[in-house]
């Protein structure tokens, strides 16, 4: 059991490191090459982190977002066959929002649009101290809807009580949650402290890796692009793993920088179950698990490989488990280059649980265009065609590119080939303006024709929202009170909404058709002795019965 736990700890440690992007100047030693590569990556991370800290506002968070659903002619035709109402006039619907958040109040202003026409505005306020929500739709009513989050949570728990464990309890103290959030922002560690801690423990890990006999220079292939690369190899058996983990624990017990980081975060979390003392107790428990003698004859463990190009850059890594008889790949990637051609191979898992992505592309300036195949358990599942992936923008933290996902060709028993997606495609486009904003679009297409799409855009900008004084709000309807609900309903006026929808292209009578289709018609049925009053009663021949007759069985 102890050996299994040691293996799990070691696997988690190396999986985090082996996927870390970095470059290094090649050496004959695996561990020195990777140690330098990871140190360089940590320094680059620290520089980016320091820049983010300098730009962070720890007193107020603001942002903007827009979500839009669009229908093309093909999508309208398909949905039109399924919809009980006419949707031919509906091209798109969107909601855009500006948000401001402090430790006391969240303010949100949303616009609902149809076919590019604003239909209504939603004013949304959350009072964190009292866990209360206020919402107003000016086009519908001058009043504010008021709801209590704690009460809503409690009612939801009570409704689900019979289906849930009786030990489950839920509460929503929004004041504590927001205070904890902003306290965490205020207490984020300085960049030099974080890089110091990361460097200290990754150095310990690589110092305890044993260099193995290097395979030397090999022709490596990813996709259909080959490249001559130097392969370096290291290994970790019990003889390396136990001293490594013990050194990590010994260092952590006396690490003042780590102590300060943990004390700051646990104080912000304000949870008695998570303190620096409980952290030390966890270390003691782990040391008990490690209190075993290493079997020097046992060569099972992990094999680590790195592919290094002629410029000394690490372009591939592989992490394998070795049971003493054979190796099993757990995680690996390889990037090859031949002029403007770029190959990629990525694999996670083994055997039937293997997930893999492989393909190649070609650079055109800073843009990469290529085709990649996604497979699971050795079976091809999908093909991803990439157009305009901007490598320079990505280096600056901006994602740009278009990805078309199609079904991989499948061959049946008779040798006939067909598309596993039935000709359908998903087209994802990322087009960020800068590293603080994003713009994503996901479209559904059939045989190359777009049916519809969902887009999401947002960032750290947006309109500055005015603070709200909850005590000064008038016409407030408390939705925990039935009389207030009835009064708010009576105050509603649909004229402005209907006028705006008409301007957006809504046909006359469309809302009535929607209400009729959803069953909310003028004729309402009430249950009397198990029989709806609106239902006519008949005999077995289908003739209508009067009140003195008995309905058919």
Protein backbone atom coordinates (compact mmCIF):
# COMPACT_ATOMS: atom_id res chain seq x y z
CA UNK A 1 0.00 0.00 0.00
CA UNK A 2 2.81 2.40 0.91
CA UNK A 3 4.55 1.76 -2.39
CA UNK A 4 1.35 2.53 -4.30
CA UNK A 5 0.96 5.85 -2.48
CA UNK A 6 4.59 6.78 -3.20
CA UNK A 7 4.04 5.99 -6.87
CA UNK A 8 0.89 8.14 -7.00
CA UNK A 9 2.67 11.11 -5.39
CA UNK A 10 5.61 10.81 -7.77
CA UNK A 11 3.36 10.48 -10.82
CA UNK A 12 1.44 13.64 -9.88
CA UNK A 13 4.67 15.57 -9.42
CA UNK A 14 6.19 14.61 -12.74
CA UNK A 15 3.03 14.99 -14.78
CA UNK A 16 2.90 18.63 -13.75
CA UNK A 17 6.53 19.21 -14.74
CA UNK A 18 6.68 17.14 -17.91
CA UNK A 19 4.02 19.26 -19.62
CA UNK A 20 5.66 22.56 -18.75
CA UNK A 21 6.63 24.46 -21.93
CA UNK A 22 10.26 25.56 -21.86
CA UNK A 23 13.46 25.69 -23.84
CA UNK A 24 16.92 24.77 -22.70
CA UNK A 25 20.44 24.57 -23.99
CA UNK A 26 21.23 20.93 -24.59
CA UNK A 27 23.67 18.98 -22.45
CA UNK A 28 24.57 15.31 -22.20
CA UNK A 29 22.54 15.10 -19.00
CA UNK A 30 18.79 14.71 -19.01
CA UNK A 31 18.37 16.15 -15.54
CA UNK A 32 20.61 19.18 -16.14
CA UNK A 33 18.88 19.93 -19.44
CA UNK A 34 15.41 19.71 -17.95
CA UNK A 35 16.43 21.53 -14.79
CA UNK A 36 17.61 24.48 -16.88
CA UNK A 37 14.50 24.31 -19.08
CA UNK A 38 12.11 24.39 -16.14
CA UNK A 39 14.08 27.17 -14.42
CA UNK A 40 13.76 29.27 -17.59
CA UNK A 41 10.02 28.58 -17.76
CA UNK A 42 9.59 29.61 -14.12
CA UNK A 43 11.38 32.90 -14.74
CA UNK A 44 9.17 33.63 -17.76
CA UNK A 45 6.08 32.77 -15.71
CA UNK A 46 7.30 35.04 -12.91
CA UNK A 47 7.71 37.98 -15.31
CA UNK A 48 4.16 37.54 -16.66
CA UNK A 49 2.79 37.08 -13.14
CA UNK A 50 4.51 40.25 -11.91
CA UNK A 51 3.01 42.22 -14.80
CA UNK A 52 -0.45 40.87 -13.98
CA UNK A 53 -0.04 41.85 -10.32
CA UNK A 54 0.91 45.40 -11.24
CA UNK A 55 -2.26 45.80 -13.30
CA UNK A 56 -4.64 44.16 -10.83
CA UNK A 57 -7.33 46.16 -9.04
CA UNK A 58 -7.87 44.57 -5.63
CA UNK A 59 -10.80 46.81 -4.68
CA UNK A 60 -13.08 46.49 -7.71
CA UNK A 61 -13.45 44.05 -10.55
CA UNK A 62 -15.21 45.08 -13.74
CA UNK A 63 -15.82 43.48 -17.08
CA UNK A 64 -18.08 43.17 -20.07
CA UNK A 65 -19.49 40.26 -22.01
CA UNK A 66 -21.84 39.48 -24.88
CA UNK A 67 -23.41 36.16 -25.81
CA UNK A 68 -25.18 35.86 -29.14
CA UNK A 69 -27.13 33.05 -30.84
CA UNK A 70 -27.55 33.32 -34.61
CA UNK A 71 -29.61 31.30 -37.07
CA UNK A 72 -28.85 30.98 -40.76
CA UNK A 73 -31.40 29.91 -43.38
CA UNK A 74 -30.53 26.22 -43.04
CA UNK A 75 -30.90 26.36 -39.26
CA UNK A 76 -34.23 28.16 -39.53
CA UNK A 77 -35.51 25.52 -41.92
CA UNK A 78 -34.58 22.67 -39.59
CA UNK A 79 -35.87 24.32 -36.41
CA UNK A 80 -38.96 25.52 -38.29
CA UNK A 81 -39.99 21.90 -38.81
CA UNK A 82 -39.71 21.28 -35.07
CA UNK A 83 -41.15 24.55 -33.77
CA UNK A 84 -44.91 25.03 -33.30
CA UNK A 85 -44.51 28.74 -34.15
CA UNK A 86 -43.00 30.67 -37.06
CA UNK A 87 -39.30 31.44 -36.50
CA UNK A 88 -38.42 32.55 -40.03
CA UNK A 89 -38.22 36.18 -38.86
CA UNK A 90 -35.70 35.39 -36.10
CA UNK A 91 -32.05 35.84 -37.16
CA UNK A 92 -30.28 36.37 -33.86
CA UNK A 93 -30.73 37.05 -30.17
CA UNK A 94 -28.07 38.40 -27.85
CA UNK A 95 -27.49 39.59 -24.33
CA UNK A 96 -24.71 42.03 -23.50
CA UNK A 97 -23.65 43.01 -20.01
CA UNK A 98 -21.38 45.35 -18.08
CA UNK A 99 -20.45 44.14 -14.61
CA UNK A 100 -18.94 45.83 -11.57
CA UNK A 101 -17.99 43.89 -8.44
CA UNK A 102 -16.74 44.97 -5.02
CA UNK A 103 -16.70 43.12 -1.71
CA UNK A 104 -20.10 44.68 -0.90
CA UNK A 105 -22.08 44.97 -4.15
CA UNK A 106 -22.32 43.42 -7.58
CA UNK A 107 -23.87 45.70 -10.22
CA UNK A 108 -24.85 44.46 -13.67
CA UNK A 109 -26.53 46.20 -16.59
CA UNK A 110 -27.76 43.89 -19.35
CA UNK A 111 -29.30 44.57 -22.74
CA UNK A 112 -31.44 41.94 -24.46
CA UNK A 113 -31.41 42.28 -28.25
CA UNK A 114 -33.26 40.53 -31.08
CA UNK A 115 -32.18 40.96 -34.69
CA UNK A 116 -29.92 43.80 -33.58
CA UNK A 117 -32.78 45.71 -31.90
CA UNK A 118 -32.73 46.33 -28.16
CA UNK A 119 -35.81 44.76 -26.59
CA UNK A 120 -35.22 45.55 -22.94
CA UNK A 121 -32.68 46.40 -20.25
CA UNK A 122 -32.18 44.37 -17.10
CA UNK A 123 -30.75 46.12 -14.05
CA UNK A 124 -29.33 43.58 -11.61
CA UNK A 125 -27.90 44.32 -8.16
CA UNK A 126 -26.64 41.95 -5.48
CA UNK A 127 -26.29 43.15 -1.91
CA UNK A 128 -23.49 40.90 -0.61
CA UNK A 129 -23.88 41.85 3.05
CA UNK A 130 -27.54 40.84 3.17
CA UNK A 131 -27.47 38.18 0.41
CA UNK A 132 -30.26 39.97 -1.45
CA UNK A 133 -30.88 40.44 -5.17
CA UNK A 134 -32.68 43.38 -6.75
CA UNK A 135 -33.74 43.29 -10.39
CA UNK A 136 -35.56 45.78 -12.60
CA UNK A 137 -36.77 45.62 -16.21
CA UNK A 138 -37.78 49.24 -16.99
CA UNK A 139 -39.63 48.29 -20.18
CA UNK A 140 -41.83 45.92 -18.18
CA UNK A 141 -42.34 47.66 -14.83
CA UNK A 142 -41.01 50.57 -12.78
CA UNK A 143 -40.68 48.29 -9.76
CA UNK A 144 -37.78 46.22 -8.44
CA UNK A 145 -38.01 42.49 -7.80
CA UNK A 146 -36.33 41.58 -4.51
CA UNK A 147 -35.18 38.03 -3.68
CA UNK A 148 -33.16 36.65 -0.78
CA UNK A 149 -30.38 34.23 -1.75
CA UNK A 150 -30.32 32.45 1.62
CA UNK A 151 -34.06 31.84 1.48
CA UNK A 152 -33.88 30.65 -2.13
CA UNK A 153 -31.08 28.25 -1.24
CA UNK A 154 -32.97 26.91 1.76
CA UNK A 155 -36.13 26.35 -0.26
CA UNK A 156 -34.15 24.49 -2.91
CA UNK A 157 -32.57 22.27 -0.26
CA UNK A 158 -35.94 21.51 1.31
CA UNK A 159 -37.42 20.58 -2.06
CA UNK A 160 -34.56 18.21 -2.78
CA UNK A 161 -34.25 16.94 0.79
CA UNK A 162 -35.79 13.54 0.07
CA UNK A 163 -33.37 12.87 -2.76
CA UNK A 164 -30.24 14.09 -0.97
CA UNK A 165 -28.10 12.88 1.89
CA UNK A 166 -29.56 14.15 5.16
CA UNK A 167 -26.09 15.33 6.18
CA UNK A 168 -26.05 17.81 3.30
CA UNK A 169 -26.51 21.43 4.26
CA UNK A 170 -26.09 24.57 2.22
CA UNK A 171 -25.80 28.20 3.05
CA UNK A 172 -24.84 31.15 0.95
CA UNK A 173 -23.13 33.89 2.92
CA UNK A 174 -22.31 36.19 0.04
CA UNK A 175 -20.58 38.72 2.30
CA UNK A 176 -18.06 36.13 3.51
CA UNK A 177 -17.59 34.80 -0.01
CA UNK A 178 -16.79 38.21 -1.48
CA UNK A 179 -14.62 39.23 1.44
CA UNK A 180 -12.64 36.03 0.97
CA UNK A 181 -12.32 36.66 -2.78
CA UNK A 182 -11.01 40.21 -2.43
CA UNK A 183 -8.82 39.22 0.52
CA UNK A 184 -7.23 36.56 -1.69
CA UNK A 185 -6.55 39.18 -4.38
CA UNK A 186 -4.97 41.48 -1.82
CA UNK A 187 -2.77 38.69 -0.47
CA UNK A 188 -1.45 37.15 -3.66
CA UNK A 189 2.28 36.40 -3.23
CA UNK A 190 4.92 38.59 -4.82
CA UNK A 191 6.43 37.26 -8.03
CA UNK A 192 9.91 36.78 -6.56
CA UNK A 193 8.51 34.73 -3.66
CA UNK A 194 6.50 32.48 -5.98
CA UNK A 195 9.38 31.90 -8.42
CA UNK A 196 11.72 31.21 -5.49
CA UNK A 197 9.40 28.51 -4.12
CA UNK A 198 8.82 26.91 -7.52
CA UNK A 199 12.54 26.88 -8.35
CA UNK A 200 13.46 25.40 -4.95
CA UNK A 201 11.21 22.36 -5.27
CA UNK A 202 11.72 21.67 -8.98
CA UNK A 203 15.49 21.73 -8.34
CA UNK A 204 15.03 19.11 -5.64
CA UNK A 205 13.05 16.93 -8.02
CA UNK A 206 15.57 17.07 -10.86
CA UNK A 207 18.58 16.76 -8.57
CA UNK A 208 17.20 13.36 -7.58
CA UNK A 209 16.57 12.12 -11.11
CA UNK A 210 19.20 9.64 -12.30
CA UNK A 211 20.65 10.12 -15.79
CA UNK A 212 20.28 7.00 -17.90
CA UNK A 213 22.21 5.93 -20.96
CA UNK A 214 21.12 8.31 -23.70
CA UNK A 215 19.68 6.77 -26.89
CA UNK A 216 21.58 9.43 -28.89
CA UNK A 217 20.51 11.13 -32.11
CA UNK A 218 17.40 9.74 -33.79
CA UNK A 219 15.06 10.54 -36.66
CA UNK A 220 11.86 11.60 -34.88
CA UNK A 221 8.50 11.81 -36.63
CA UNK A 222 5.36 13.73 -35.65
CA UNK A 223 2.51 13.82 -38.16
CA UNK A 224 4.29 13.51 -41.50
CA UNK A 225 7.21 15.77 -40.51
CA UNK A 226 10.51 14.18 -39.51
CA UNK A 227 13.49 15.80 -37.81
CA UNK A 228 16.83 14.60 -36.47
CA UNK A 229 16.80 15.12 -32.70
CA UNK A 230 18.94 14.22 -29.70
CA UNK A 231 17.17 12.01 -27.18
CA UNK A 232 18.10 12.36 -23.49
CA UNK A 233 16.86 9.95 -20.84
CA UNK A 234 16.46 9.90 -17.07
CA UNK A 235 14.88 7.50 -14.63
CA UNK A 236 13.34 7.41 -11.18
CA UNK A 237 13.18 4.18 -9.21
CA UNK A 238 12.65 3.63 -5.50
CA UNK A 239 16.29 4.53 -4.93
CA UNK A 240 15.66 8.04 -6.33
CA UNK A 241 12.02 8.49 -5.35
CA UNK A 242 12.28 8.02 -1.58
CA UNK A 243 15.17 10.49 -1.04
CA UNK A 244 13.47 12.97 -3.41
CA UNK A 245 10.17 12.97 -1.56
CA UNK A 246 11.86 13.03 1.85
CA UNK A 247 13.96 16.03 0.83
CA UNK A 248 10.84 17.84 -0.39
CA UNK A 249 9.10 17.22 2.94
CA UNK A 250 12.15 18.19 5.01
CA UNK A 251 12.51 21.42 3.05
CA UNK A 252 8.79 22.24 3.29
CA UNK A 253 8.84 21.94 7.10
CA UNK A 254 11.41 24.72 7.46
CA UNK A 255 10.60 26.81 4.38
CA UNK A 256 9.75 30.29 5.68
CA UNK A 257 8.56 31.55 2.27
CA UNK A 258 6.21 28.58 1.93
CA UNK A 259 5.04 29.10 5.53
CA UNK A 260 4.20 32.73 4.82
CA UNK A 261 2.31 31.80 1.65
CA UNK A 262 0.25 29.12 3.40
CA UNK A 263 -0.51 31.31 6.43
CA UNK A 264 -1.67 34.15 4.20
CA UNK A 265 -3.99 31.96 2.14
CA UNK A 266 -5.41 30.00 5.06
CA UNK A 267 -6.07 33.24 6.94
CA UNK A 268 -7.96 34.58 3.91
CA UNK A 269 -9.96 31.35 3.66
CA UNK A 270 -10.80 31.56 7.39
CA UNK A 271 -11.37 27.81 7.65
CA UNK A 272 -10.17 26.10 10.86
CA UNK A 273 -9.67 22.84 8.96
CA UNK A 274 -6.99 24.44 6.78
CA UNK A 275 -4.15 26.09 8.68
CA UNK A 276 -0.35 25.98 8.63
CA UNK A 277 -0.52 23.54 11.54
CA UNK A 278 -2.73 21.13 9.57
CA UNK A 279 -0.23 21.45 6.70
CA UNK A 280 2.58 20.33 9.03
CA UNK A 281 0.40 17.47 10.29
CA UNK A 282 -0.12 16.34 6.68
CA UNK A 283 3.66 16.34 6.18
CA UNK A 284 4.08 14.13 9.28
CA UNK A 285 1.49 11.70 7.90
CA UNK A 286 3.31 11.55 4.56
CA UNK A 287 6.63 10.94 6.30
CA UNK A 288 5.11 7.93 8.03
CA UNK A 289 4.08 6.59 4.61
CA UNK A 290 7.65 7.09 3.36
CA UNK A 291 9.21 5.31 6.30
CA UNK A 292 10.31 2.29 4.24
CA UNK A 293 13.62 0.95 3.00
CA UNK A 294 14.25 1.33 -0.72
CA UNK A 295 14.68 -1.93 -2.62
CA UNK A 296 17.92 -1.32 -4.48
CA UNK A 297 17.26 -4.31 -6.74
CA UNK A 298 13.87 -3.06 -7.89
CA UNK A 299 14.35 -1.22 -11.19
CA UNK A 300 10.66 -0.48 -11.71
CA UNK A 301 9.66 3.17 -11.69
CA UNK A 302 9.49 5.92 -14.28
CA UNK A 303 11.42 6.67 -17.45
CA UNK A 304 11.71 10.29 -18.58
CA UNK A 305 12.76 11.34 -22.07
CA UNK A 306 13.41 14.67 -23.75
CA UNK A 307 13.89 15.41 -27.45
CA UNK A 308 16.31 18.28 -28.11
CA UNK A 309 16.91 19.96 -31.48
CA UNK A 310 20.15 21.36 -32.90
CA UNK A 311 19.51 24.74 -31.27
CA UNK A 312 19.26 23.15 -27.83
CA UNK A 313 15.50 23.58 -27.56
CA UNK A 314 13.45 20.85 -25.88
CA UNK A 315 10.78 20.02 -28.48
CA UNK A 316 9.34 16.86 -26.99
CA UNK A 317 8.90 15.01 -23.72
CA UNK A 318 7.80 11.54 -22.75
CA UNK A 319 6.81 10.08 -19.42
CA UNK A 320 6.67 6.29 -19.11
CA UNK A 321 6.01 3.74 -16.38
CA UNK A 322 8.43 0.81 -16.17
CA UNK A 323 7.38 -2.32 -14.29
CA UNK A 324 10.86 -3.85 -14.62
CA UNK A 325 9.96 -5.78 -17.77
CA UNK A 326 8.34 -3.34 -20.16
CA UNK A 327 7.65 0.36 -20.56
CA UNK A 328 4.19 1.91 -20.87
CA UNK A 329 3.77 5.47 -22.12
CA UNK A 330 1.59 7.60 -19.86
CA UNK A 331 2.10 11.04 -21.37
CA UNK A 332 4.11 12.45 -24.24
CA UNK A 333 4.32 15.10 -26.91
CA UNK A 334 6.65 15.87 -29.81
CA UNK A 335 6.92 18.89 -32.10
CA UNK A 336 9.01 18.48 -35.23
CA UNK A 337 10.13 21.05 -37.81
CA UNK A 338 11.28 20.76 -41.42
CA UNK A 339 11.56 24.22 -42.95
CA UNK A 340 8.07 25.73 -42.78
CA UNK A 341 6.45 22.37 -42.01
CA UNK A 342 5.44 21.66 -38.41
CA UNK A 343 4.50 18.26 -37.00
CA UNK A 344 2.67 17.55 -33.74
CA UNK A 345 2.10 14.36 -31.77
CA UNK A 346 0.43 14.24 -28.36
CA UNK A 347 -0.60 11.17 -26.37
CA UNK A 348 -2.18 10.68 -22.96
CA UNK A 349 -2.95 7.34 -21.34
CA UNK A 350 -2.25 3.85 -22.60
CA UNK A 351 -3.97 0.89 -24.23
CA UNK A 352 -7.71 1.26 -24.73
CA UNK A 353 -7.66 4.43 -22.65
CA UNK A 354 -5.23 6.24 -24.96
CA UNK A 355 -6.15 9.73 -26.13
CA UNK A 356 -4.04 11.02 -29.01
CA UNK A 357 -3.77 14.02 -31.33
CA UNK A 358 -1.45 13.90 -34.33
CA UNK A 359 -0.99 15.84 -37.55
CA UNK A 360 1.04 18.47 -39.32
CA UNK A 361 0.78 21.94 -40.78
CA UNK A 362 2.73 24.59 -42.60
CA UNK A 363 3.69 28.11 -41.60
CA UNK A 364 2.78 31.11 -43.71
CA UNK A 365 4.49 34.01 -41.98
CA UNK A 366 3.26 33.82 -38.38
CA UNK A 367 0.19 31.77 -39.30
CA UNK A 368 -0.08 27.98 -39.10
CA UNK A 369 -2.47 26.00 -41.29
CA UNK A 370 -2.77 22.24 -40.88
CA UNK A 371 -4.82 19.10 -40.28
CA UNK A 372 -4.82 16.94 -37.15
CA UNK A 373 -6.53 13.68 -36.22
CA UNK A 374 -8.04 13.01 -32.81
CA UNK A 375 -8.22 9.37 -31.74
CA UNK A 376 -9.28 7.38 -28.72
CA UNK A 377 -8.15 3.86 -27.94
CA UNK A 378 -6.44 3.65 -31.32
CA UNK A 379 -9.61 4.51 -33.25
CA UNK A 380 -9.79 7.76 -35.21
CA UNK A 381 -12.67 9.89 -33.95
CA UNK A 382 -12.41 13.32 -35.55
CA UNK A 383 -10.34 15.48 -37.88
CA UNK A 384 -9.43 19.04 -36.90
CA UNK A 385 -8.49 21.42 -39.71
CA UNK A 386 -6.68 24.52 -38.47
CA UNK A 387 -6.59 27.78 -40.42
CA UNK A 388 -4.81 30.98 -39.41
CA UNK A 389 -3.47 29.95 -36.01
CA UNK A 390 -1.43 33.05 -35.12
CA UNK A 391 1.74 31.85 -33.36
CA UNK A 392 3.05 35.37 -32.71
CA UNK A 393 -0.23 36.51 -31.14
CA UNK A 394 -0.32 33.38 -28.98
CA UNK A 395 3.18 34.15 -27.70
CA UNK A 396 1.70 37.47 -26.49
CA UNK A 397 -1.24 35.71 -24.83
CA UNK A 398 -3.76 36.34 -27.64
CA UNK A 399 -5.60 33.40 -29.20
CA UNK A 400 -6.44 33.66 -32.90
CA UNK A 401 -7.38 30.87 -35.29
CA UNK A 402 -10.18 28.80 -36.83
CA UNK A 403 -10.70 25.10 -36.10
CA UNK A 404 -13.08 22.96 -38.15
CA UNK A 405 -13.97 19.65 -36.48
CA UNK A 406 -15.29 16.92 -38.78
CA UNK A 407 -15.98 13.24 -38.33
CA UNK A 408 -13.13 10.87 -39.16
CA UNK A 409 -13.83 8.55 -42.13
CA UNK A 410 -15.17 5.19 -40.97
CA UNK A 411 -15.15 2.00 -43.02
CA UNK A 412 -17.84 -0.64 -42.51
CA UNK A 413 -17.54 -4.40 -42.94
CA UNK A 414 -18.27 -4.14 -46.68
CA UNK A 415 -15.46 -1.66 -47.21
CA UNK A 416 -17.76 1.34 -47.61
CA UNK A 417 -16.46 4.60 -46.17
CA UNK A 418 -18.69 7.14 -44.48
CA UNK A 419 -18.45 10.24 -42.28
CA UNK A 420 -18.97 9.41 -38.59
CA UNK A 421 -20.52 12.87 -38.06
CA UNK A 422 -22.98 12.47 -40.94
CA UNK A 423 -21.57 15.46 -42.79
CA UNK A 424 -21.95 17.77 -39.79
CA UNK A 425 -19.11 20.05 -38.69
CA UNK A 426 -18.29 22.22 -35.71
CA UNK A 427 -16.36 25.40 -36.57
CA UNK A 428 -14.67 27.17 -33.68
CA UNK A 429 -13.05 30.58 -34.15
CA UNK A 430 -10.98 32.50 -31.62
CA UNK A 431 -10.19 36.14 -32.39
CA UNK A 432 -8.92 37.97 -29.34
CA UNK A 433 -8.19 41.69 -29.70
CA UNK A 434 -5.65 41.65 -26.85
CA UNK A 435 -4.65 39.44 -23.93
CA UNK A 436 -7.32 40.98 -21.70
CA UNK A 437 -10.23 40.18 -24.02
CA UNK A 438 -11.56 37.28 -26.00
CA UNK A 439 -13.98 36.62 -28.84
CA UNK A 440 -15.10 33.06 -29.51
CA UNK A 441 -17.59 31.72 -32.03
CA UNK A 442 -18.90 28.16 -32.36
CA UNK A 443 -20.85 27.39 -35.54
CA UNK A 444 -22.68 24.25 -36.64
CA UNK A 445 -22.46 23.42 -40.32
CA UNK A 446 -23.85 20.71 -42.60
CA UNK A 447 -21.92 19.86 -45.76
CA UNK A 448 -20.10 23.18 -45.52
CA UNK A 449 -23.25 25.31 -45.03
CA UNK A 450 -23.57 27.11 -41.68
CA UNK A 451 -26.81 26.42 -39.81
CA UNK A 452 -26.28 28.64 -36.81
CA UNK A 453 -23.75 29.76 -34.25
CA UNK A 454 -23.13 30.79 -30.66
CA UNK A 455 -20.62 33.54 -29.97
CA UNK A 456 -19.11 34.80 -26.74
CA UNK A 457 -17.07 37.97 -26.36
CA UNK A 458 -15.80 39.73 -23.29
CA UNK A 459 -12.98 41.39 -21.44
CA UNK A 460 -11.96 43.65 -18.62
CA UNK A 461 -13.48 46.78 -20.12
CA UNK A 462 -17.05 48.00 -20.28
CA UNK A 463 -19.01 50.97 -19.00
CA UNK A 464 -18.33 52.19 -15.46
CA UNK A 465 -21.47 51.42 -13.44
CA UNK A 466 -22.83 53.79 -10.82
CA UNK A 467 -23.04 52.62 -7.22
CA UNK A 468 -26.49 51.88 -5.85
CA UNK A 469 -27.98 52.74 -2.47
CA UNK A 470 -30.36 49.89 -1.67
CA UNK A 471 -32.13 51.88 1.06
CA UNK A 472 -33.14 54.54 -1.48
CA UNK A 473 -34.79 52.13 -3.92
CA UNK A 474 -38.55 52.63 -4.28
CA UNK A 475 -41.30 50.37 -5.65
CA UNK A 476 -39.61 47.24 -4.30
CA UNK A 477 -41.61 44.01 -4.51
CA UNK A 478 -40.44 41.27 -2.14
CA UNK A 479 -40.89 37.96 -3.98
CA UNK A 480 -40.94 36.04 -0.71
CA UNK A 481 -44.39 37.63 -0.22
CA UNK A 482 -47.31 36.38 -2.34
CA UNK A 483 -49.10 39.75 -2.17
CA UNK A 484 -45.99 41.50 -3.53
CA UNK A 485 -45.77 38.98 -6.36
CA UNK A 486 -49.38 39.68 -7.32
CA UNK A 487 -48.80 43.43 -7.06
CA UNK A 488 -45.73 43.25 -9.31
CA UNK A 489 -47.66 41.18 -11.84
CA UNK A 490 -50.39 43.82 -11.85
CA UNK A 491 -47.80 46.56 -12.48
CA UNK A 492 -46.43 44.84 -15.60
CA UNK A 493 -47.04 46.50 -18.97
CA UNK A 494 -46.08 44.57 -22.13
CA UNK A 495 -46.59 47.48 -24.54
CA UNK A 496 -42.94 48.60 -24.72
CA UNK A 497 -41.66 45.04 -25.09
CA UNK A 498 -44.20 44.27 -27.81
CA UNK A 499 -43.37 47.47 -29.66
CA UNK A 500 -39.63 46.71 -29.56
CA UNK A 501 -40.17 43.14 -30.73
CA UNK A 502 -42.35 44.40 -33.59
CA UNK A 503 -39.54 46.77 -34.59
CA UNK A 504 -37.21 43.74 -34.57
CA UNK A 505 -39.45 42.00 -37.12
CA UNK A 506 -41.81 39.97 -34.94
CA UNK A 507 -45.02 39.10 -36.86
CA UNK A 508 -48.34 40.30 -35.46
CA UNK A 509 -49.88 37.80 -33.05
CA UNK A 510 -46.59 35.87 -32.61
CA UNK A 511 -46.57 36.19 -28.82
CA UNK A 512 -50.13 34.86 -28.67
CA UNK A 513 -49.01 31.87 -30.77
CA UNK A 514 -46.13 31.23 -28.34
CA UNK A 515 -48.46 31.37 -25.33
CA UNK A 516 -50.92 29.01 -27.04
CA UNK A 517 -48.11 26.61 -28.01
CA UNK A 518 -46.82 26.47 -24.43
CA UNK A 519 -50.29 25.77 -23.07
CA UNK A 520 -50.75 29.17 -21.42
CA UNK A 521 -53.95 29.95 -23.30
CA UNK A 522 -57.07 31.85 -22.26
CA UNK A 523 -58.81 28.58 -21.44
CA UNK A 524 -57.41 27.17 -18.19
CA UNK A 525 -58.33 23.79 -16.88
CA UNK A 526 -58.97 23.13 -13.22
CA UNK A 527 -58.98 19.69 -11.70
CA UNK A 528 -62.25 18.48 -10.17
CA UNK A 529 -62.41 14.95 -8.79
CA UNK A 530 -59.55 13.95 -11.10
CA UNK A 531 -61.32 15.18 -14.27
CA UNK A 532 -60.45 18.50 -15.93
CA UNK A 533 -63.47 20.78 -16.23
CA UNK A 534 -62.42 21.76 -19.78
CA UNK A 535 -62.58 18.14 -20.92
CA UNK A 536 -65.86 16.83 -22.37
CA UNK A 537 -67.03 13.41 -21.07
CA UNK A 538 -68.23 10.80 -23.54
CA UNK A 539 -69.67 7.32 -23.59
CA UNK A 540 -67.99 4.41 -25.39
CA UNK A 541 -69.63 5.42 -28.67
CA UNK A 542 -68.12 8.87 -28.41
CA UNK A 543 -71.40 10.70 -27.65
CA UNK A 544 -71.26 13.58 -25.18
CA UNK A 545 -72.79 12.78 -21.78
CA UNK A 546 -74.94 15.09 -19.71
CA UNK A 547 -74.40 15.57 -15.97
CA UNK A 548 -76.67 12.63 -15.00
CA UNK A 549 -74.74 10.03 -17.05
CA UNK A 550 -71.63 8.03 -16.18
CA UNK A 551 -68.56 8.35 -18.43
CA UNK A 552 -67.15 5.34 -20.26
CA UNK A 553 -64.62 3.21 -18.36
